Amino acid sequence: MIGEIVIPARLGSTRLPEKLLLSETGRTVLEHTYLACQTAMRPIGITVAVDHSRLFDAVRQFGGHAQLTNVNAQSGTDRVAEVARSRPDVDLFINVQGDEPEIAGASIDAVMHLLESNPSVQVATLATPIRNRKDLEDPACVKVVRAADGAALYFSRSIIPHPRTWDERLLNQEPAIFLKHLGIYAYRREFLLRLDELAASELEQVEKLEQLRFLQSGCRLLVGVVPTSPRGIDTREDYESFKARVMMKQ
């Protein structure tokens, strides 16, 4: 099957303004993410789905391929769907957040493989074990619980499952009880073409999690588990930590 990476890129950001254009390492965050995506082996190419001419120009400047998408798009998935409508030659689209400059190519390959090996599934994503209580209690760390077959049961900013009696040993159990959802998805093109038909989701509005629209509409969403995943760039502290790691490698 033919797969392509799409990086939805929005200029505005609440906690760290214009974070995708931060370039104190010598490259923008968006370029770092693009380069990380190039380490994946399965997809055939990368498109950056941007909402602003400044991002479009930034991508062109580092030699990437950009496509302008609707500035009023509600989510990153909607931007991926715009790209999908113009690419009938591609079967699978992998959505990688633009603020994930250290994403592993192996994770991209893994989520694509989930769809390749499960023909009845329309959407796949990844999660990683949560091993500390700070992340578990952080609403910005989205949690997911899975069925025995790996299908998502629910995503939440709250602690799920919620222990009736807390025991620190719960964080170290194998397989992991608590899973952090990673912001990477693989979709079949036909699913993206029907995205507008999905009913508005009350759960999505309450939690501000677009994947709940898929679940509430009855979509089966397969969740693979990877051992670890680097932190994305949400705050200035995240960026400073990332910058320090980049400088150490130079």
Protein backbone atom coordinates (compact mmCIF):
# COMPACT_ATOMS: atom_id res chain seq x y z
CA MET A 1 0.00 0.00 0.00
CA ILE A 2 1.13 3.55 -0.69
CA GLY A 3 1.41 5.82 2.33
CA GLU A 4 2.30 9.47 2.74
CA ILE A 5 3.12 11.57 5.80
CA VAL A 6 1.14 14.77 6.29
CA ILE A 7 2.29 17.31 8.88
CA PRO A 8 -0.60 19.66 9.78
CA ALA A 9 0.99 23.01 10.65
CA ARG A 10 -0.87 25.93 12.23
CA LEU A 11 0.86 29.27 12.78
CA GLY A 12 -1.07 30.20 15.92
CA SER A 13 -0.44 28.41 19.21
CA THR A 14 -1.74 29.26 22.66
CA ARG A 15 1.01 28.35 25.11
CA LEU A 16 4.03 29.10 22.90
CA PRO A 17 3.28 31.66 20.14
CA GLU A 18 4.39 30.67 16.63
CA LYS A 19 6.34 27.75 18.07
CA LEU A 20 6.77 26.00 14.71
CA LEU A 21 8.94 28.91 13.50
CA LEU A 22 11.26 29.00 16.53
CA SER A 23 14.76 28.57 15.11
CA GLU A 24 17.29 29.03 17.92
CA THR A 25 18.91 25.70 17.00
CA GLY A 26 19.62 26.91 13.47
CA ARG A 27 16.50 25.20 12.10
CA THR A 28 12.81 25.79 12.75
CA VAL A 29 10.84 23.32 14.87
CA LEU A 30 8.89 22.49 11.72
CA GLU A 31 12.07 21.68 9.78
CA HIS A 32 13.31 19.45 12.60
CA THR A 33 9.98 17.57 12.48
CA TYR A 34 10.23 17.24 8.69
CA LEU A 35 13.76 15.83 8.95
CA ALA A 36 12.67 13.38 11.65
CA CYS A 37 9.85 12.17 9.40
CA GLN A 38 12.35 11.50 6.63
CA THR A 39 13.83 8.69 8.74
CA ALA A 40 10.65 6.60 8.28
CA MET A 41 11.01 3.81 5.72
CA ARG A 42 7.43 2.94 4.71
CA PRO A 43 5.86 6.23 3.49
CA ILE A 44 6.74 7.54 0.04
CA GLY A 45 6.75 11.25 0.82
CA ILE A 46 5.91 14.16 3.12
CA THR A 47 3.47 17.06 2.72
CA VAL A 48 3.22 19.93 5.19
CA ALA A 49 -0.42 21.12 5.33
CA VAL A 50 -0.10 24.77 6.39
CA ASP A 51 -2.62 27.48 7.27
CA HIS A 52 -0.45 30.55 6.60
CA SER A 53 1.86 31.86 3.91
CA ARG A 54 4.69 32.30 6.42
CA LEU A 55 4.68 28.58 7.11
CA PHE A 56 4.37 27.84 3.40
CA ASP A 57 7.46 29.98 2.69
CA ALA A 58 9.37 28.41 5.59
CA VAL A 59 8.77 24.91 4.23
CA ARG A 60 9.75 25.91 0.72
CA GLN A 61 12.90 27.55 2.10
CA PHE A 62 14.19 24.28 3.59
CA GLY A 63 13.24 22.33 0.47
CA GLY A 64 10.05 20.66 1.70
CA HIS A 65 6.69 20.27 0.00
CA ALA A 66 3.87 22.44 1.41
CA GLN A 67 0.16 22.76 0.65
CA LEU A 68 -1.98 25.66 1.81
CA THR A 69 -5.13 24.46 3.57
CA ASN A 70 -8.24 26.15 4.93
CA VAL A 71 -7.32 28.65 7.65
CA ASN A 72 -10.60 27.76 9.41
CA ALA A 73 -10.00 24.00 9.49
CA GLN A 74 -11.17 22.66 12.87
CA SER A 75 -8.38 20.15 13.43
CA GLY A 76 -5.20 18.65 12.07
CA THR A 77 -7.20 15.74 10.70
CA ASP A 78 -9.27 18.15 8.61
CA ARG A 79 -6.06 19.47 7.07
CA VAL A 80 -4.91 15.91 6.33
CA ALA A 81 -8.29 15.30 4.67
CA GLU A 82 -7.73 18.30 2.38
CA VAL A 83 -4.46 16.78 1.22
CA ALA A 84 -6.12 13.36 0.78
CA ARG A 85 -8.74 14.80 -1.56
CA SER A 86 -5.97 15.90 -3.91
CA ARG A 87 -4.03 12.60 -3.73
CA PRO A 88 -6.07 9.73 -5.22
CA ASP A 89 -2.81 7.82 -5.77
CA VAL A 90 -2.22 7.41 -2.00
CA ASP A 91 -3.96 4.75 0.13
CA LEU A 92 -2.84 5.68 3.65
CA PHE A 93 -2.05 9.03 5.25
CA ILE A 94 0.05 9.36 8.40
CA ASN A 95 -0.66 12.44 10.50
CA VAL A 96 2.41 13.69 12.39
CA GLN A 97 2.11 16.80 14.56
CA GLY A 98 4.34 19.68 13.50
CA ASP A 99 5.63 20.14 17.05
CA GLU A 100 7.19 16.64 17.27
CA PRO A 101 10.79 17.35 16.18
CA GLU A 102 12.16 14.16 17.76
CA ILE A 103 9.57 11.69 16.53
CA ALA A 104 11.07 8.33 15.64
CA GLY A 105 10.81 7.09 12.09
CA ALA A 106 10.16 3.64 13.56
CA SER A 107 6.97 4.96 15.22
CA ILE A 108 5.73 6.30 11.89
CA ASP A 109 6.43 2.95 10.27
CA ALA A 110 4.69 1.15 13.15
CA VAL A 111 1.42 3.08 12.90
CA MET A 112 1.36 2.63 9.11
CA HIS A 113 1.95 -1.10 9.54
CA LEU A 114 -1.07 -1.33 11.87
CA LEU A 115 -3.35 -0.34 8.99
CA GLU A 116 -1.50 -2.42 6.43
CA SER A 117 -1.94 -5.55 8.56
CA ASN A 118 -5.54 -4.86 9.68
CA PRO A 119 -7.59 -4.26 6.51
CA SER A 120 -10.90 -3.77 8.38
CA VAL A 121 -9.51 -0.88 10.48
CA GLN A 122 -9.88 2.70 9.24
CA VAL A 123 -7.76 4.58 11.81
CA ALA A 124 -4.71 3.64 13.88
CA THR A 125 -2.64 5.49 16.45
CA LEU A 126 0.04 4.87 19.09
CA ALA A 127 0.48 5.05 22.85
CA THR A 128 3.34 4.62 25.29
CA PRO A 129 3.43 3.58 28.99
CA ILE A 130 3.10 6.25 31.68
CA ARG A 131 5.62 5.54 34.44
CA ASN A 132 5.36 8.61 36.67
CA ARG A 133 2.50 10.14 38.60
CA LYS A 134 3.16 13.70 37.40
CA ASP A 135 2.36 12.77 33.80
CA LEU A 136 -0.56 10.64 34.90
CA GLU A 137 -2.18 13.59 36.66
CA ASP A 138 -1.36 16.14 33.94
CA PRO A 139 -4.46 17.03 31.82
CA ALA A 140 -2.13 17.84 28.91
CA CYS A 141 -1.06 14.19 28.92
CA VAL A 142 -3.93 12.44 27.14
CA LYS A 143 -4.63 8.94 28.41
CA VAL A 144 -6.12 5.99 26.50
CA VAL A 145 -7.50 2.61 27.55
CA ARG A 146 -7.65 -0.33 25.14
CA ALA A 147 -9.67 -3.46 24.64
CA ALA A 148 -7.92 -6.84 24.63
CA ASP A 149 -7.59 -6.64 20.82
CA GLY A 150 -5.91 -3.23 20.96
CA ALA A 151 -8.96 -1.17 19.97
CA ALA A 152 -9.40 2.13 21.82
CA LEU A 153 -12.13 2.16 24.46
CA TYR A 154 -11.75 5.80 25.50
CA PHE A 155 -9.37 8.76 25.50
CA SER A 156 -9.34 11.29 28.31
CA ARG A 157 -7.42 14.10 29.98
CA SER A 158 -8.42 12.51 33.27
CA ILE A 159 -6.75 9.48 34.86
CA ILE A 160 -8.09 6.36 33.17
CA PRO A 161 -8.43 3.78 34.47
CA HIS A 162 -8.93 5.57 37.80
CA PRO A 163 -7.69 3.46 40.74
CA ARG A 164 -10.13 3.24 43.60
CA THR A 165 -7.15 2.90 45.94
CA TRP A 166 -3.81 4.34 44.86
CA ASP A 167 -0.73 2.14 44.91
CA GLU A 168 2.56 3.44 43.49
CA ARG A 169 3.33 -0.04 42.14
CA LEU A 170 0.57 0.43 39.56
CA LEU A 171 2.97 2.63 37.58
CA ASN A 172 5.42 -0.23 37.10
CA GLN A 173 3.15 -3.09 36.16
CA GLU A 174 3.62 -5.06 32.94
CA PRO A 175 1.85 -4.75 30.65
CA ALA A 176 1.40 -1.06 31.49
CA ILE A 177 -1.91 -0.08 33.05
CA PHE A 178 -1.63 3.60 32.16
CA LEU A 179 -1.02 4.63 28.55
CA LYS A 180 -0.23 8.06 27.12
CA HIS A 181 -1.76 8.71 23.71
CA LEU A 182 0.75 9.93 21.13
CA GLY A 183 -0.35 12.49 18.56
CA ILE A 184 0.26 10.34 15.50
CA TYR A 185 -2.44 8.71 13.36
CA ALA A 186 -2.73 6.64 10.21
CA TYR A 187 -5.95 6.89 8.18
CA ARG A 188 -7.28 5.20 5.09
CA ARG A 189 -8.04 7.70 2.35
CA GLU A 190 -11.71 6.68 2.17
CA PHE A 191 -12.12 7.48 5.87
CA LEU A 192 -10.72 10.98 5.37
CA LEU A 193 -13.01 11.58 2.39
CA ARG A 194 -16.00 10.83 4.66
CA LEU A 195 -14.73 12.95 7.55
CA ASP A 196 -17.35 15.67 7.01
CA GLU A 197 -20.07 13.06 7.47
CA LEU A 198 -19.07 12.27 11.06
CA ALA A 199 -21.56 13.65 13.54
CA ALA A 200 -20.49 16.41 15.90
CA SER A 201 -19.35 14.86 19.18
CA GLU A 202 -20.34 16.09 22.62
CA LEU A 203 -17.42 14.15 24.11
CA GLU A 204 -15.01 15.82 21.70
CA GLN A 205 -16.26 19.24 22.77
CA VAL A 206 -16.02 18.45 26.48
CA GLU A 207 -12.49 16.99 26.42
CA LYS A 208 -11.24 18.93 23.36
CA LEU A 209 -9.98 15.69 21.81
CA GLU A 210 -10.80 15.15 18.15
CA GLN A 211 -10.32 11.36 18.35
CA LEU A 212 -13.45 11.16 20.50
CA ARG A 213 -15.45 12.19 17.43
CA PHE A 214 -14.23 9.01 15.76
CA LEU A 215 -15.11 6.81 18.73
CA GLN A 216 -18.53 8.36 19.33
CA SER A 217 -19.37 7.84 15.66
CA GLY A 218 -18.68 4.13 16.02
CA CYS A 219 -15.26 4.06 14.35
CA ARG A 220 -12.90 1.30 15.53
CA LEU A 221 -9.57 2.91 16.35
CA LEU A 222 -6.59 0.58 16.77
CA VAL A 223 -3.89 1.58 19.29
CA GLY A 224 -0.37 0.20 19.09
CA VAL A 225 2.06 0.52 22.01
CA VAL A 226 5.67 1.65 21.64
CA PRO A 227 8.15 1.55 24.56
CA THR A 228 9.02 5.25 24.67
CA SER A 229 8.35 8.50 22.86
CA PRO A 230 10.04 11.92 23.01
CA ARG A 231 8.10 14.88 24.34
CA GLY A 232 6.61 17.34 21.85
CA ILE A 233 7.01 21.12 22.03
CA ASP A 234 4.13 22.65 23.99
CA THR A 235 5.83 25.18 26.26
CA ARG A 236 8.95 27.33 26.37
CA GLU A 237 10.41 24.84 28.85
CA ASP A 238 9.89 22.04 26.32
CA TYR A 239 11.65 24.06 23.65
CA GLU A 240 14.60 24.93 25.91
CA SER A 241 15.05 21.23 26.76
CA PHE A 242 14.88 20.30 23.07
CA LYS A 243 17.35 23.05 22.17
CA ALA A 244 19.81 21.79 24.79
CA ARG A 245 19.62 18.26 23.37
CA VAL A 246 20.24 19.53 19.84
CA MET A 247 23.23 21.62 20.96
CA MET A 248 24.76 18.63 22.75
CA LYS A 249 24.75 16.69 19.47
CA GLN A 250 26.48 19.46 17.50
